[in-house]
Protein backbone atom coordinates (compact mmCIF):
# COMPACT_ATOMS: atom_id res chain seq x y z
CA MET A 1 79.91 123.97 93.16
CA ASN A 2 79.05 121.95 90.30
CA TYR A 3 80.09 119.09 88.53
CA ARG A 4 81.92 120.78 85.05
CA GLN A 5 83.11 118.13 82.32
CA PRO A 6 87.38 118.29 82.66
CA PRO A 7 88.34 119.48 79.62
CA LEU A 8 90.75 116.98 77.04
CA ASN A 9 93.59 117.97 77.59
CA ARG A 10 95.51 115.86 74.55
CA ALA A 11 94.81 114.35 71.55
CA VAL A 12 94.41 110.15 71.64
CA ASN A 13 95.52 107.45 69.68
CA PRO A 14 93.51 104.93 69.83
CA MET A 15 96.27 102.49 68.67
CA LYS A 16 98.05 104.03 71.61
CA MET A 17 97.20 103.74 74.52
CA ASN A 18 99.78 102.37 76.78
CA TRP A 19 99.95 105.93 78.99
CA LEU A 20 95.85 105.35 79.98
CA TRP A 21 97.43 101.52 80.85
CA ARG A 22 100.45 102.93 82.74
CA LEU A 23 97.54 104.91 85.15
CA THR A 24 94.87 101.97 85.07
CA CYS A 25 97.13 99.97 86.58
CA GLU A 26 98.96 101.62 89.05
CA VAL A 27 95.46 103.19 90.55
CA GLY A 28 94.98 99.48 90.52
CA TYR A 29 97.85 97.69 91.86
CA VAL A 30 98.55 95.85 88.96
CA GLY A 31 101.51 94.17 88.07
CA VAL A 32 103.21 92.72 84.86
CA ASP A 33 102.91 88.92 87.27
CA ASP A 34 98.70 89.80 87.29
CA VAL A 35 97.83 91.27 83.51
CA LEU A 36 100.44 87.69 82.92
CA SER A 37 98.65 85.96 84.80
CA ALA A 38 94.74 87.44 83.58
CA LEU A 39 96.21 86.93 80.57
CA ASN A 40 97.05 82.92 80.66
CA GLU A 41 93.78 82.17 83.04
CA ALA A 42 92.09 83.46 79.33
CA GLY A 43 93.32 81.42 77.07
CA ILE A 44 95.67 84.15 76.55
CA ARG A 45 99.79 83.64 75.72
CA VAL A 46 101.28 87.07 75.82
CA SER A 47 105.14 87.67 76.34
CA ARG A 48 106.79 89.41 79.21
CA GLU A 49 108.27 91.04 76.78
CA ARG A 50 105.78 92.77 74.88
CA ALA A 51 104.43 92.96 78.41
CA LEU A 52 106.79 94.87 79.67
CA GLY A 53 105.93 96.85 76.83
CA TRP A 54 103.42 98.33 77.68
CA PHE A 55 104.69 100.34 80.64
CA LYS A 56 106.99 102.32 79.16
CA SER A 57 106.16 105.29 76.46
CA GLU A 58 106.60 105.58 73.10
CA GLY A 59 110.99 105.65 72.65
CA GLU A 60 112.09 104.26 75.43
CA ASP A 61 113.66 100.38 74.56
CA GLY A 62 111.08 97.45 75.23
CA TYR A 63 107.69 99.98 74.38
CA PHE A 64 105.29 97.80 72.78
CA PRO A 65 102.51 100.16 71.91
CA LEU A 66 98.90 99.17 73.57
CA THR A 67 96.15 99.13 71.15
CA ILE A 68 92.43 100.21 72.93
CA ALA A 69 91.52 96.89 72.80
CA GLU A 70 94.10 95.32 74.19
CA LEU A 71 93.49 97.30 76.34
CA GLU A 72 90.51 96.54 76.82
CA GLN A 73 90.80 92.57 76.85
CA ASN A 74 93.58 93.24 79.28
CA LEU A 75 90.95 94.71 81.74
CA ARG A 76 88.25 92.01 81.47
CA ALA A 77 91.18 89.38 81.92
CA LEU A 78 92.03 91.35 85.20
CA GLN A 79 88.22 91.73 86.24
CA SER A 80 87.22 88.01 85.47
CA VAL A 81 90.13 87.13 87.23
CA ARG A 82 89.53 89.02 90.23
CA SER A 83 84.98 88.55 90.11
CA GLY A 84 86.32 85.13 90.22
CA SER A 85 88.73 85.13 93.56
CA LEU A 86 86.38 87.13 94.59
CA HIS A 87 83.81 84.51 94.51
CA ALA A 88 85.47 81.55 94.65
CA THR A 89 86.39 83.53 98.73
CA LEU A 90 83.39 84.29 99.35
CA SER A 91 81.91 81.53 98.86
CA GLY A 92 84.58 80.00 101.76
CA ILE A 93 83.62 82.10 104.00
CA ALA A 94 80.02 81.16 103.24
CA GLY A 95 80.90 77.57 103.42
CA LYS A 96 81.83 78.07 106.88
């Protein structure tokens, strides 16, 4: 069976990417504390309330819409922290 690109099943609003953020966090085992820590490490201060709101759906109490720019920022901060941790771990192993 040859690969076929799946159809788009939803409209994408770049100002409301919470659904994609939640899916990404579920797949990557990312929690709100991971996000806050990574953003803090990147010098970006975000309230816990806002970070929790990114995990909620529109209409839920505490919902904060997450833009595509914030989604990218969060993923890059997480990537930086995780790759730095991996690099430190590998350096530590190599030094033994």
